[in-house]
Protein backbone atom coordinates (compact mmCIF):
# COMPACT_ATOMS: atom_id res chain seq x y z
CA UNK A 1 143.04 119.49 104.74
CA UNK A 2 141.56 122.32 106.72
CA UNK A 3 137.39 122.16 106.05
CA UNK A 4 134.24 123.09 106.79
CA UNK A 5 130.93 123.71 105.75
CA UNK A 6 129.20 126.55 105.16
CA UNK A 7 125.98 128.64 103.71
CA UNK A 8 127.59 131.33 101.39
CA UNK A 9 126.42 135.19 101.19
CA UNK A 10 125.38 136.92 98.11
CA UNK A 11 126.67 139.47 96.85
CA UNK A 12 123.77 141.77 97.35
CA UNK A 13 124.03 140.94 101.04
CA UNK A 14 127.77 141.40 101.33
CA UNK A 15 127.49 145.08 99.50
CA UNK A 16 125.20 145.59 102.64
CA UNK A 17 127.55 144.09 105.31
CA UNK A 18 130.36 146.23 103.91
CA UNK A 19 128.77 149.37 105.04
CA UNK A 20 129.47 148.23 108.45
CA UNK A 21 133.01 148.19 107.99
CA UNK A 22 134.76 150.77 109.37
CA UNK A 23 138.24 152.06 111.12
CA UNK A 24 138.78 150.69 113.91
CA UNK A 25 142.16 150.22 115.39
CA UNK A 26 143.61 146.60 115.60
CA UNK A 27 140.22 145.25 113.59
CA UNK A 28 141.60 142.55 111.35
CA UNK A 29 138.31 142.65 108.62
CA UNK A 30 136.90 139.72 106.90
CA UNK A 31 136.78 139.79 102.89
CA UNK A 32 133.68 140.26 101.67
CA UNK A 33 134.32 137.16 99.63
CA UNK A 34 135.07 135.18 102.73
CA UNK A 35 132.03 135.62 104.60
CA UNK A 36 130.10 132.76 104.70
CA UNK A 37 127.76 130.93 107.80
CA UNK A 38 129.61 128.38 109.05
CA UNK A 39 127.18 124.69 109.18
CA UNK A 40 130.22 122.70 110.65
CA UNK A 41 133.92 122.73 111.19
CA UNK A 42 135.38 119.83 110.44
CA UNK A 43 138.89 120.26 110.45
CA UNK A 44 142.33 118.47 109.10
CA UNK A 45 141.33 115.53 107.06
CA UNK A 46 143.53 113.75 104.81
CA UNK A 47 142.65 113.20 100.99
CA UNK A 48 140.88 109.81 101.31
CA UNK A 49 138.52 111.32 104.15
CA UNK A 50 138.00 114.74 102.16
CA UNK A 51 136.13 112.02 99.41
CA UNK A 52 133.95 110.75 102.04
CA UNK A 53 132.95 113.71 103.44
CA UNK A 54 132.31 114.61 99.65
CA UNK A 55 130.48 111.41 99.12
CA UNK A 56 128.67 112.12 102.37
CA UNK A 57 127.23 115.20 101.95
CA UNK A 58 125.89 114.58 98.54
CA UNK A 59 123.02 113.03 100.51
CA UNK A 60 121.89 115.47 102.77
CA UNK A 61 118.36 116.59 101.90
CA UNK A 62 116.86 119.58 103.45
CA UNK A 63 114.97 122.25 101.17
CA UNK A 64 115.39 125.75 100.41
CA UNK A 65 115.10 128.60 102.57
CA UNK A 66 114.93 132.32 103.09
CA UNK A 67 117.56 133.56 105.67
CA UNK A 68 117.75 137.14 107.54
CA UNK A 69 120.91 138.59 109.48
CA UNK A 70 119.76 140.35 112.44
CA UNK A 71 121.65 141.84 115.08
CA UNK A 72 124.78 142.66 115.57
CA UNK A 73 127.76 142.34 118.67
CA UNK A 74 130.61 140.39 120.06
CA UNK A 75 132.31 137.67 121.71
CA UNK A 76 132.91 137.22 124.38
CA UNK A 77 129.78 139.01 125.35
CA UNK A 78 131.50 139.90 128.84
CA UNK A 79 131.74 143.16 129.80
CA UNK A 80 134.96 142.33 131.76
CA UNK A 81 136.79 140.35 128.86
CA UNK A 82 137.81 142.66 125.84
CA UNK A 83 135.71 141.92 122.43
CA UNK A 84 137.82 139.19 120.33
CA UNK A 85 135.40 139.09 117.38
CA UNK A 86 133.26 141.01 115.94
CA UNK A 87 129.75 139.28 114.16
CA UNK A 88 125.95 139.68 112.67
CA UNK A 89 123.47 137.13 114.31
CA UNK A 90 120.50 135.20 112.38
CA UNK A 91 116.70 135.65 112.63
CA UNK A 92 115.14 132.67 114.09
CA UNK A 93 115.63 129.88 111.60
CA UNK A 94 114.42 126.55 112.02
CA UNK A 95 115.28 125.93 108.20
CA UNK A 96 118.94 126.45 109.33
CA UNK A 97 119.00 124.09 112.49
CA UNK A 98 117.25 121.62 110.49
CA UNK A 99 119.94 121.85 107.65
CA UNK A 100 122.87 122.24 109.94
CA UNK A 101 121.57 118.98 112.30
CA UNK A 102 121.36 117.25 109.08
CA UNK A 103 124.85 117.66 107.62
CA UNK A 104 126.15 116.74 111.32
CA UNK A 105 124.05 113.61 111.17
CA UNK A 106 125.78 112.95 107.77
CA UNK A 107 129.51 113.58 109.11
CA UNK A 108 128.99 111.80 112.25
CA UNK A 109 128.48 108.57 110.08
CA UNK A 110 131.96 108.88 109.01
CA UNK A 111 133.33 109.85 112.84
CA UNK A 112 133.62 112.98 112.41
CA UNK A 113 131.76 113.98 116.20
CA UNK A 114 129.13 116.90 116.70
CA UNK A 115 130.13 119.84 118.23
CA UNK A 116 129.50 119.88 122.35
CA UNK A 117 128.23 123.42 122.48
CA UNK A 118 125.22 124.10 120.55
CA UNK A 119 124.92 125.66 117.10
CA UNK A 120 125.24 129.44 117.68
CA UNK A 121 124.92 130.78 113.62
CA UNK A 122 126.40 133.87 112.73
CA UNK A 123 128.88 135.50 110.61
CA UNK A 124 132.14 136.84 111.92
CA UNK A 125 133.15 140.27 110.57
CA UNK A 126 135.93 141.24 112.31
CA UNK A 127 138.45 139.63 114.91
CA UNK A 128 140.49 142.48 117.27
CA UNK A 129 144.21 141.76 118.36
CA UNK A 130 143.85 144.35 121.47
CA UNK A 131 143.70 143.54 125.06
CA UNK A 132 141.91 146.61 125.86
CA UNK A 133 137.96 147.21 125.48
CA UNK A 134 137.36 149.65 122.03
CA UNK A 135 135.03 152.92 122.46
CA UNK A 136 135.01 152.32 118.52
CA UNK A 137 133.18 149.20 118.88
CA UNK A 138 130.86 150.10 121.46
CA UNK A 139 129.83 152.98 119.44
CA UNK A 140 129.51 150.52 116.52
CA UNK A 141 127.38 148.27 118.46
CA UNK A 142 125.23 151.57 119.32
CA UNK A 143 124.73 152.73 116.47
CA UNK A 144 123.76 149.43 114.63
CA UNK A 145 121.57 148.48 117.61
CA UNK A 146 118.40 147.38 115.67
CA UNK A 147 120.39 146.15 112.20
CA UNK A 148 118.62 143.75 110.10
CA UNK A 149 119.20 142.75 106.58
CA UNK A 150 116.37 141.87 104.09
CA UNK A 151 116.03 137.98 103.75
CA UNK A 152 118.13 136.45 101.19
CA UNK A 153 117.28 132.72 99.67
CA UNK A 154 119.32 129.86 100.75
CA UNK A 155 119.48 127.13 97.65
CA UNK A 156 122.90 125.45 98.66
CA UNK A 157 125.41 125.16 100.70
CA UNK A 158 129.47 124.19 100.55
CA UNK A 159 132.30 122.36 101.52
CA UNK A 160 135.19 124.37 101.72
CA UNK A 161 139.02 124.63 102.55
CA UNK A 162 140.93 126.78 104.82
CA UNK A 163 144.55 127.67 104.48
CA UNK A 164 145.95 129.52 107.08
CA UNK A 165 147.96 132.04 106.30
CA UNK A 166 149.86 135.27 107.82
CA UNK A 167 147.60 137.50 106.05
CA UNK A 168 144.60 135.61 107.32
CA UNK A 169 142.51 132.48 106.37
CA UNK A 170 142.54 131.17 102.63
CA UNK A 171 139.36 129.69 101.35
CA UNK A 172 138.43 127.25 98.19
CA UNK A 173 135.33 126.17 97.46
CA UNK A 174 135.47 122.46 96.99
CA UNK A 175 131.75 121.45 96.43
CA UNK A 176 128.13 122.61 96.41
CA UNK A 177 125.41 120.83 97.75
CA UNK A 178 121.81 122.19 96.32
CA UNK A 179 119.08 122.14 98.45
CA UNK A 180 115.64 121.22 97.09
CA UNK A 181 112.53 123.08 95.55
CA UNK A 182 111.15 126.00 97.24
CA UNK A 183 109.74 125.54 101.17
CA UNK A 184 106.93 127.56 99.54
CA UNK A 185 105.69 124.36 97.54
């Protein structure tokens, strides 16, 4: 099975993000129910490994925190290459980076290596299947240059199974891990 850990996006925030969805040729928009902020992509594992991953993730201790979505952009960020992914960024969040590092550390005890590139938190909204730049994407980026949503509370993270299908990835929630208390305590 193919696994990753993520922070789920609450329904009210999903509803606000849905307003960005527009008619762009060749865009494959992520289903609202699948929106998430990936903490760690784990990859292919067997049932025994998945059980060990679940056990280790239960040991992660981190406080609940507020998170705010801010900014919109594309990957790659080069003017010379066509956009492949449309994303929404995250306001500076030391708590999110702390949680991500704790998840990585817990998984490293099982031999799951940390990413070799820095953590770049974002939500993928759409993927593009074109080799040419799209004016509609540029208009969307310009129109939402100051994009920002109200903060939301992160109270848990999840272990999710991803099954790739011709219609896109299908996600199955395997486990949820609560975060501790409140950061205002």
